[in-house]
Amino acid sequence: MRKCEAVRSLFDDWRQGGLARDVDYQLLPVDDPGRPEKPVLVDPRQLARRSTATEEGRIHLLHAFAHIEFCAINIALDAVYRFRQMPDQYVSDWLLVASEEAKHFQLLNDSLRQRGSYYGSCEAHSGLWDMVCKTRHDVLHRMALVPRVMEARGLDVTPAMIKRFNQVADTEAVDILKVIYADEVGHVRIGNHWYRQLCEQRQFEPASTFQTLINEYLGGKLRGPFNWEARLEAGFEAGELEALELSQD
């Protein structure tokens, strides 16, 4: 897909010093980022739950992952485009994330095609991008609510999905999801790093600030259970994970 190729070229050009940023550029809202006509986007509640027990169900599940990865490309690019006052390392980090999300998308789309399907064949939803729009005014809010909440949720649920594909001996899907899972730990770690940097700059206490933002955007609770091993590896602290679990009660 041309988008994936363009992302890789963008990352390579940046690493080679071929790009410069205009910090005074008048930003556009980008309410509807570049994407193909399909998949049709619907309310998440309208999407049917699918099982790994049938090939059709596995296609729907892999399509859902492909849509997440496609959206994640735009999310990472928006983090660079939107917050161009951030340091060069921030740009490097999020362009790396964009390039890895593009890799994930291509792996999933290739698998869908081998199964007689393609990205766009199933319905999807826009929930991930909605949070991008809500946090476009503040990079600290973005780092807190997207990598530390939405992407970190992937660390919680992907191991169980890998187990489900393992149970039906779908080794191709298992291998792809393992690649995604390993990379996503790094993506969440990047989000944690910049969140803490921004809290330090503003003299905010990270844990209490995070809870305040959860209250503001998510009604005070995150969905659990939490994958402690992966979240700790990705830069969460044990104390804040304990607090998140207590909030489940």
C-alpha atoms as a PDB file:
ATOM      1  CA  MET A   1       0.000   0.000   0.000  1.00  0.00           C
ATOM      2  CA  ARG A   2       1.264   3.459  -0.939  1.00  0.00           C
ATOM      3  CA  LYS A   3       0.630   4.827   2.543  1.00  0.00           C
ATOM      4  CA  CYS A   4       2.986   2.286   4.119  1.00  0.00           C
ATOM      5  CA  GLU A   5       5.677   3.016   1.543  1.00  0.00           C
ATOM      6  CA  ALA A   6       5.287   6.757   2.134  1.00  0.00           C
ATOM      7  CA  VAL A   7       5.673   6.283   5.894  1.00  0.00           C
ATOM      8  CA  ARG A   8       8.881   4.324   5.465  1.00  0.00           C
ATOM      9  CA  SER A   9      10.241   6.981   3.097  1.00  0.00           C
ATOM     10  CA  LEU A  10       9.300   9.728   5.542  1.00  0.00           C
ATOM     11  CA  PHE A  11      11.124   7.976   8.380  1.00  0.00           C
ATOM     12  CA  ASP A  12      14.201   7.349   6.225  1.00  0.00           C
ATOM     13  CA  ASP A  13      14.289  10.981   5.028  1.00  0.00           C
ATOM     14  CA  TRP A  14      14.054  12.235   8.610  1.00  0.00           C
ATOM     15  CA  ARG A  15      16.846   9.944   9.824  1.00  0.00           C
ATOM     16  CA  GLN A  16      19.073  11.065   6.949  1.00  0.00           C
ATOM     17  CA  GLY A  17      18.523  14.740   7.732  1.00  0.00           C
ATOM     18  CA  GLY A  18      16.502  15.427   4.616  1.00  0.00           C
ATOM     19  CA  LEU A  19      13.515  16.985   6.397  1.00  0.00           C
ATOM     20  CA  ALA A  20      13.017  20.193   8.370  1.00  0.00           C
ATOM     21  CA  ARG A  21      10.120  21.346  10.552  1.00  0.00           C
ATOM     22  CA  ASP A  22       8.247  24.637  10.314  1.00  0.00           C
ATOM     23  CA  VAL A  23       7.188  25.275  13.908  1.00  0.00           C
ATOM     24  CA  ASP A  24       5.117  28.302  12.834  1.00  0.00           C
ATOM     25  CA  TYR A  25       3.022  26.343  10.325  1.00  0.00           C
ATOM     26  CA  GLN A  26      -0.734  26.862  10.657  1.00  0.00           C
ATOM     27  CA  LEU A  27      -2.036  23.458  11.730  1.00  0.00           C
ATOM     28  CA  LEU A  28      -5.105  21.907  10.132  1.00  0.00           C
ATOM     29  CA  PRO A  29      -7.736  20.047  12.197  1.00  0.00           C
ATOM     30  CA  VAL A  30      -7.369  16.720  10.269  1.00  0.00           C
ATOM     31  CA  ASP A  31     -10.670  15.444  11.632  1.00  0.00           C
ATOM     32  CA  ASP A  32     -10.776  12.711   8.960  1.00  0.00           C
ATOM     33  CA  PRO A  33      -7.258  11.440   8.170  1.00  0.00           C
ATOM     34  CA  GLY A  34      -6.293   9.783   4.919  1.00  0.00           C
ATOM     35  CA  ARG A  35      -7.810   6.332   4.550  1.00  0.00           C
ATOM     36  CA  PRO A  36      -9.448   4.216   1.846  1.00  0.00           C
ATOM     37  CA  GLU A  37     -13.207   4.287   1.202  1.00  0.00           C
ATOM     38  CA  LYS A  38     -13.501   0.955   2.971  1.00  0.00           C
ATOM     39  CA  PRO A  39     -13.806  -0.284   5.656  1.00  0.00           C
ATOM     40  CA  VAL A  40     -17.158   1.282   6.427  1.00  0.00           C
ATOM     41  CA  LEU A  41     -17.001   2.806   9.903  1.00  0.00           C
ATOM     42  CA  VAL A  42     -19.857   2.049  12.295  1.00  0.00           C
ATOM     43  CA  ASP A  43     -20.601   2.374  15.993  1.00  0.00           C
ATOM     44  CA  PRO A  44     -18.411  -0.134  17.890  1.00  0.00           C
ATOM     45  CA  ARG A  45     -21.536  -1.655  19.439  1.00  0.00           C
ATOM     46  CA  GLN A  46     -22.702  -2.707  15.956  1.00  0.00           C
ATOM     47  CA  LEU A  47     -19.654  -4.915  15.376  1.00  0.00           C
ATOM     48  CA  ALA A  48     -20.326  -8.598  15.887  1.00  0.00           C
ATOM     49  CA  ARG A  49     -18.099 -10.650  18.184  1.00  0.00           C
ATOM     50  CA  ARG A  50     -16.117 -13.235  16.225  1.00  0.00           C
ATOM     51  CA  SER A  51     -14.616 -16.557  17.205  1.00  0.00           C
ATOM     52  CA  THR A  52     -11.328 -18.158  16.176  1.00  0.00           C
ATOM     53  CA  ALA A  53     -13.251 -21.424  15.683  1.00  0.00           C
ATOM     54  CA  THR A  54     -14.036 -20.647  12.009  1.00  0.00           C
ATOM     55  CA  GLU A  55     -11.967 -19.220   9.167  1.00  0.00           C
ATOM     56  CA  GLU A  56     -14.537 -16.441   8.736  1.00  0.00           C
ATOM     57  CA  GLY A  57     -14.214 -15.548  12.402  1.00  0.00           C
ATOM     58  CA  ARG A  58     -10.419 -15.498  12.187  1.00  0.00           C
ATOM     59  CA  ILE A  59     -10.606 -13.207   9.163  1.00  0.00           C
ATOM     60  CA  HIS A  60     -12.814 -10.793  11.077  1.00  0.00           C
ATOM     61  CA  LEU A  61     -10.427 -10.799  14.036  1.00  0.00           C
ATOM     62  CA  LEU A  62      -7.371 -10.217  11.846  1.00  0.00           C
ATOM     63  CA  HIS A  63      -9.260  -7.466  10.034  1.00  0.00           C
ATOM     64  CA  ALA A  64      -9.932  -5.796  13.391  1.00  0.00           C
ATOM     65  CA  PHE A  65      -6.216  -5.918  14.187  1.00  0.00           C
ATOM     66  CA  ALA A  66      -5.388  -4.565  10.719  1.00  0.00           C
ATOM     67  CA  HIS A  67      -7.738  -1.631  11.297  1.00  0.00           C
ATOM     68  CA  ILE A  68      -6.107  -0.885  14.650  1.00  0.00           C
ATOM     69  CA  GLU A  69      -2.671  -0.874  13.017  1.00  0.00           C
ATOM     70  CA  PHE A  70      -3.856   1.308  10.125  1.00  0.00           C
ATOM     71  CA  CYS A  71      -5.298   3.831  12.570  1.00  0.00           C
ATOM     72  CA  ALA A  72      -2.096   3.649  14.597  1.00  0.00           C
ATOM     73  CA  ILE A  73      -0.109   4.852  11.575  1.00  0.00           C
ATOM     74  CA  ASN A  74      -2.211   8.021  11.456  1.00  0.00           C
ATOM     75  CA  ILE A  75      -2.063   8.404  15.235  1.00  0.00           C
ATOM     76  CA  ALA A  76       1.740   8.309  15.289  1.00  0.00           C
ATOM     77  CA  LEU A  77       1.985  10.715  12.362  1.00  0.00           C
ATOM     78  CA  ASP A  78      -0.439  13.112  14.027  1.00  0.00           C
ATOM     79  CA  ALA A  79       1.719  13.093  17.172  1.00  0.00           C
ATOM     80  CA  VAL A  80       4.559  14.439  15.010  1.00  0.00           C
ATOM     81  CA  TYR A  81       2.459  16.824  12.929  1.00  0.00           C
ATOM     82  CA  ARG A  82       0.403  18.211  15.809  1.00  0.00           C
ATOM     83  CA  PHE A  83       3.104  18.823  18.408  1.00  0.00           C
ATOM     84  CA  ARG A  84       5.984  20.147  16.358  1.00  0.00           C
ATOM     85  CA  GLN A  85       7.367  22.181  19.240  1.00  0.00           C
ATOM     86  CA  MET A  86       8.648  18.913  20.742  1.00  0.00           C
ATOM     87  CA  PRO A  87      12.342  17.914  20.473  1.00  0.00           C
ATOM     88  CA  ASP A  88      13.868  16.080  17.520  1.00  0.00           C
ATOM     89  CA  GLN A  89      14.047  12.855  19.506  1.00  0.00           C
ATOM     90  CA  TYR A  90      10.274  12.981  19.951  1.00  0.00           C
ATOM     91  CA  VAL A  91       9.899  13.202  16.160  1.00  0.00           C
ATOM     92  CA  SER A  92      12.324  10.306  15.683  1.00  0.00           C
ATOM     93  CA  ASP A  93      10.459   8.204  18.233  1.00  0.00           C
ATOM     94  CA  TRP A  94       7.015   8.681  16.724  1.00  0.00           C
ATOM     95  CA  LEU A  95       8.166   8.285  13.124  1.00  0.00           C
ATOM     96  CA  LEU A  96       9.723   4.992  14.222  1.00  0.00           C
ATOM     97  CA  VAL A  97       6.366   4.030  15.721  1.00  0.00           C
ATOM     98  CA  ALA A  98       4.588   4.987  12.482  1.00  0.00           C
ATOM     99  CA  SER A  99       6.966   2.853  10.418  1.00  0.00           C
ATOM    100  CA  GLU A 100       6.464  -0.150  12.698  1.00  0.00           C
ATOM    101  CA  GLU A 101       2.685   0.266  12.626  1.00  0.00           C
ATOM    102  CA  ALA A 102       2.911   0.261   8.822  1.00  0.00           C
ATOM    103  CA  LYS A 103       4.907  -2.981   9.010  1.00  0.00           C
ATOM    104  CA  HIS A 104       2.234  -4.514  11.242  1.00  0.00           C
ATOM    105  CA  PHE A 105      -0.537  -3.440   8.902  1.00  0.00           C
ATOM    106  CA  GLN A 106       1.184  -4.981   5.901  1.00  0.00           C
ATOM    107  CA  LEU A 107       1.736  -8.271   7.714  1.00  0.00           C
ATOM    108  CA  LEU A 108      -1.958  -8.436   8.590  1.00  0.00           C
ATOM    109  CA  ASN A 109      -3.187  -7.331   5.181  1.00  0.00           C
ATOM    110  CA  ASP A 110      -0.969  -9.891   3.469  1.00  0.00           C
ATOM    111  CA  SER A 111      -2.417 -12.562   5.745  1.00  0.00           C
ATOM    112  CA  LEU A 112      -5.954 -11.449   4.935  1.00  0.00           C
ATOM    113  CA  ARG A 113      -5.217 -11.655   1.197  1.00  0.00           C
ATOM    114  CA  GLN A 114      -3.772 -15.146   1.573  1.00  0.00           C
ATOM    115  CA  ARG A 115      -7.083 -16.085   3.207  1.00  0.00           C
ATOM    116  CA  GLY A 116      -9.092 -14.677   0.305  1.00  0.00           C
ATOM    117  CA  SER A 117      -9.950 -11.387   1.990  1.00  0.00           C
ATOM    118  CA  TYR A 118      -8.492  -7.861   2.269  1.00  0.00           C
ATOM    119  CA  TYR A 119      -8.455  -4.771   4.465  1.00  0.00           C
ATOM    120  CA  GLY A 120     -11.821  -3.086   3.964  1.00  0.00           C
ATOM    121  CA  SER A 121     -13.833  -6.285   3.597  1.00  0.00           C
ATOM    122  CA  CYS A 122     -15.330  -5.938   7.105  1.00  0.00           C
ATOM    123  CA  GLU A 123     -16.838  -3.055   9.039  1.00  0.00           C
ATOM    124  CA  ALA A 124     -14.733  -1.169  11.586  1.00  0.00           C
ATOM    125  CA  HIS A 125     -15.015   1.759  14.000  1.00  0.00           C
ATOM    126  CA  SER A 126     -13.267   5.102  14.595  1.00  0.00           C
ATOM    127  CA  GLY A 127     -12.844   4.927  18.377  1.00  0.00           C
ATOM    128  CA  LEU A 128      -9.068   5.208  18.318  1.00  0.00           C
ATOM    129  CA  TRP A 129      -9.079   8.359  16.211  1.00  0.00           C
ATOM    130  CA  ASP A 130     -11.775   9.939  18.361  1.00  0.00           C
ATOM    131  CA  MET A 131      -9.338  10.115  21.288  1.00  0.00           C
ATOM    132  CA  VAL A 132      -6.734  11.709  19.028  1.00  0.00           C
ATOM    133  CA  CYS A 133      -9.185  14.509  18.251  1.00  0.00           C
ATOM    134  CA  LYS A 134     -10.071  14.985  21.919  1.00  0.00           C
ATOM    135  CA  THR A 135      -6.389  15.398  22.899  1.00  0.00           C
ATOM    136  CA  ARG A 136      -5.135  17.502  20.018  1.00  0.00           C
ATOM    137  CA  HIS A 137      -4.866  20.596  22.244  1.00  0.00           C
ATOM    138  CA  ASP A 138      -2.232  19.241  24.645  1.00  0.00           C
ATOM    139  CA  VAL A 139       0.683  16.868  24.023  1.00  0.00           C
ATOM    140  CA  LEU A 140       0.693  15.752  27.673  1.00  0.00           C
ATOM    141  CA  HIS A 141      -2.934  14.708  27.381  1.00  0.00           C
ATOM    142  CA  ARG A 142      -2.111  12.896  24.130  1.00  0.00           C
ATOM    143  CA  MET A 143       0.765  10.957  25.676  1.00  0.00           C
ATOM    144  CA  ALA A 144      -1.368  10.035  28.685  1.00  0.00           C
ATOM    145  CA  LEU A 145      -4.520   8.962  26.877  1.00  0.00           C
ATOM    146  CA  VAL A 146      -3.278   7.334  23.676  1.00  0.00           C
ATOM    147  CA  PRO A 147      -0.094   5.313  24.331  1.00  0.00           C
ATOM    148  CA  ARG A 148      -0.667   4.895  28.093  1.00  0.00           C
ATOM    149  CA  VAL A 149      -4.342   3.957  27.796  1.00  0.00           C
ATOM    150  CA  MET A 150      -5.366   2.858  24.321  1.00  0.00           C
ATOM    151  CA  GLU A 151      -2.119   1.277  23.138  1.00  0.00           C
ATOM    152  CA  ALA A 152      -1.388  -0.181  26.564  1.00  0.00           C
ATOM    153  CA  ARG A 153      -4.736  -1.956  26.376  1.00  0.00           C
ATOM    154  CA  GLY A 154      -3.272  -3.960  23.507  1.00  0.00           C
ATOM    155  CA  LEU A 155      -0.616  -5.277  25.894  1.00  0.00           C
ATOM    156  CA  ASP A 156      -3.421  -6.571  28.106  1.00  0.00           C
ATOM    157  CA  VAL A 157      -5.493  -8.359  25.467  1.00  0.00           C
ATOM    158  CA  THR A 158      -3.041  -9.586  22.822  1.00  0.00           C
ATOM    159  CA  PRO A 159      -1.602 -12.536  24.815  1.00  0.00           C
ATOM    160  CA  ALA A 160      -5.082 -14.027  25.168  1.00  0.00           C
ATOM    161  CA  MET A 161      -5.669 -13.548  21.441  1.00  0.00           C
ATOM    162  CA  ILE A 162      -2.367 -15.292  20.672  1.00  0.00           C
ATOM    163  CA  LYS A 163      -3.503 -18.182  22.863  1.00  0.00           C
ATOM    164  CA  ARG A 164      -6.807 -18.419  20.992  1.00  0.00           C
ATOM    165  CA  PHE A 165      -5.082 -18.605  17.595  1.00  0.00           C
ATOM    166  CA  ASN A 166      -2.639 -21.148  19.031  1.00  0.00           C
ATOM    167  CA  GLN A 167      -5.530 -23.363  20.086  1.00  0.00           C
ATOM    168  CA  VAL A 168      -6.691 -23.629  16.448  1.00  0.00           C
ATOM    169  CA  ALA A 169      -3.097 -24.075  15.154  1.00  0.00           C
ATOM    170  CA  ASP A 170      -3.158 -20.831  13.163  1.00  0.00           C
ATOM    171  CA  THR A 171       0.609 -20.385  13.366  1.00  0.00           C
ATOM    172  CA  GLU A 172       0.711 -17.551  10.829  1.00  0.00           C
ATOM    173  CA  ALA A 173      -1.622 -15.400  12.914  1.00  0.00           C
ATOM    174  CA  VAL A 174       0.302 -16.296  16.075  1.00  0.00           C
ATOM    175  CA  ASP A 175       3.618 -15.250  14.528  1.00  0.00           C
ATOM    176  CA  ILE A 176       2.195 -11.916  13.342  1.00  0.00           C
ATOM    177  CA  LEU A 177       0.619 -11.109  16.696  1.00  0.00           C
ATOM    178  CA  LYS A 178       3.868 -11.919  18.499  1.00  0.00           C
ATOM    179  CA  VAL A 179       5.710  -9.398  16.312  1.00  0.00           C
ATOM    180  CA  ILE A 180       3.064  -6.776  17.003  1.00  0.00           C
ATOM    181  CA  TYR A 181       3.053  -7.478  20.736  1.00  0.00           C
ATOM    182  CA  ALA A 182       6.839  -7.119  21.050  1.00  0.00           C
ATOM    183  CA  ASP A 183       6.867  -3.838  19.121  1.00  0.00           C
ATOM    184  CA  GLU A 184       3.908  -2.418  21.026  1.00  0.00           C
ATOM    185  CA  VAL A 185       5.790  -2.766  24.317  1.00  0.00           C
ATOM    186  CA  GLY A 186       8.311  -0.345  22.822  1.00  0.00           C
ATOM    187  CA  HIS A 187       5.598   2.016  21.616  1.00  0.00           C
ATOM    188  CA  VAL A 188       4.032   2.224  25.060  1.00  0.00           C
ATOM    189  CA  ARG A 189       7.494   2.740  26.541  1.00  0.00           C
ATOM    190  CA  ILE A 190       7.969   5.732  24.223  1.00  0.00           C
ATOM    191  CA  GLY A 191       4.635   7.164  25.350  1.00  0.00           C
ATOM    192  CA  ASN A 192       5.565   6.651  29.000  1.00  0.00           C
ATOM    193  CA  HIS A 193       8.918   8.365  28.483  1.00  0.00           C
ATOM    194  CA  TRP A 194       7.425  11.490  26.944  1.00  0.00           C
ATOM    195  CA  TYR A 195       4.537  11.594  29.402  1.00  0.00           C
ATOM    196  CA  ARG A 196       6.965  11.641  32.318  1.00  0.00           C
ATOM    197  CA  GLN A 197       9.201  14.177  30.601  1.00  0.00           C
ATOM    198  CA  LEU A 198       6.244  16.504  30.114  1.00  0.00           C
ATOM    199  CA  CYS A 199       5.071  16.034  33.705  1.00  0.00           C
ATOM    200  CA  GLU A 200       8.565  16.910  34.922  1.00  0.00           C
ATOM    201  CA  GLN A 201       8.675  20.030  32.743  1.00  0.00           C
ATOM    202  CA  ARG A 202       5.328  21.227  34.105  1.00  0.00           C
ATOM    203  CA  GLN A 203       6.094  20.113  37.651  1.00  0.00           C
ATOM    204  CA  PHE A 204       3.148  17.712  37.679  1.00  0.00           C
ATOM    205  CA  GLU A 205       3.116  14.529  39.731  1.00  0.00           C
ATOM    206  CA  PRO A 206       2.714  11.772  37.085  1.00  0.00           C
ATOM    207  CA  ALA A 207       0.451   9.301  38.903  1.00  0.00           C
ATOM    208  CA  SER A 208      -2.064  11.831  40.224  1.00  0.00           C
ATOM    209  CA  THR A 209      -2.077  13.705  36.912  1.00  0.00           C
ATOM    210  CA  PHE A 210      -2.810  10.469  35.083  1.00  0.00           C
ATOM    211  CA  GLN A 211      -5.728   9.731  37.397  1.00  0.00           C
ATOM    212  CA  THR A 212      -7.068  13.255  36.883  1.00  0.00           C
ATOM    213  CA  LEU A 213      -6.985  12.735  33.120  1.00  0.00           C
ATOM    214  CA  ILE A 214      -8.652   9.333  33.433  1.00  0.00           C
ATOM    215  CA  ASN A 215     -11.391  11.035  35.440  1.00  0.00           C
ATOM    216  CA  GLU A 216     -11.748  13.774  32.843  1.00  0.00           C
ATOM    217  CA  TYR A 217     -11.773  11.628  29.710  1.00  0.00           C
ATOM    218  CA  LEU A 218     -12.843   8.152  30.812  1.00  0.00           C
ATOM    219  CA  GLY A 219     -15.098   8.586  33.804  1.00  0.00           C
ATOM    220  CA  GLY A 220     -12.448   7.553  36.304  1.00  0.00           C
ATOM    221  CA  LYS A 221     -11.792   3.933  35.322  1.00  0.00           C
ATOM    222  CA  LEU A 222      -9.676   1.911  32.918  1.00  0.00           C
ATOM    223  CA  ARG A 223     -10.667  -1.509  31.672  1.00  0.00           C
ATOM    224  CA  GLY A 224      -8.744  -4.367  33.237  1.00  0.00           C
ATOM    225  CA  PRO A 225      -7.305  -6.837  33.926  1.00  0.00           C
ATOM    226  CA  PHE A 226      -3.813  -5.417  33.376  1.00  0.00           C
ATOM    227  CA  ASN A 227      -0.797  -7.259  32.011  1.00  0.00           C
ATOM    228  CA  TRP A 228       1.663  -6.329  34.738  1.00  0.00           C
ATOM    229  CA  GLU A 229       4.701  -7.945  33.128  1.00  0.00           C
ATOM    230  CA  ALA A 230       4.313  -6.115  29.822  1.00  0.00           C
ATOM    231  CA  ARG A 231       3.228  -2.829  31.384  1.00  0.00           C
ATOM    232  CA  LEU A 232       6.206  -2.794  33.746  1.00  0.00           C
ATOM    233  CA  GLU A 233       8.515  -3.547  30.817  1.00  0.00           C
ATOM    234  CA  ALA A 234       6.856  -0.659  28.955  1.00  0.00           C
ATOM    235  CA  GLY A 235       7.625   1.827  31.741  1.00  0.00           C
ATOM    236  CA  PHE A 236       4.630   1.751  34.053  1.00  0.00           C
ATOM    237  CA  GLU A 237       5.395   1.708  37.771  1.00  0.00           C
ATOM    238  CA  ALA A 238       4.092  -0.915  40.186  1.00  0.00           C
ATOM    239  CA  GLY A 239       2.429   1.703  42.375  1.00  0.00           C
ATOM    240  CA  GLU A 240       0.323   3.139  39.587  1.00  0.00           C
ATOM    241  CA  LEU A 241      -0.701  -0.339  38.412  1.00  0.00           C
ATOM    242  CA  GLU A 242      -1.831  -1.121  41.956  1.00  0.00           C
ATOM    243  CA  ALA A 243      -3.873   2.090  41.961  1.00  0.00           C
ATOM    244  CA  LEU A 244      -5.435   1.223  38.607  1.00  0.00           C
ATOM    245  CA  GLU A 245      -6.441  -2.198  39.887  1.00  0.00           C
ATOM    246  CA  LEU A 246      -7.964  -0.699  43.038  1.00  0.00           C
ATOM    247  CA  SER A 247     -10.071   1.584  40.849  1.00  0.00           C
ATOM    248  CA  GLN A 248     -11.654  -1.542  39.305  1.00  0.00           C
ATOM    249  CA  ASP A 249     -13.449  -2.308  42.590  1.00  0.00           C
END
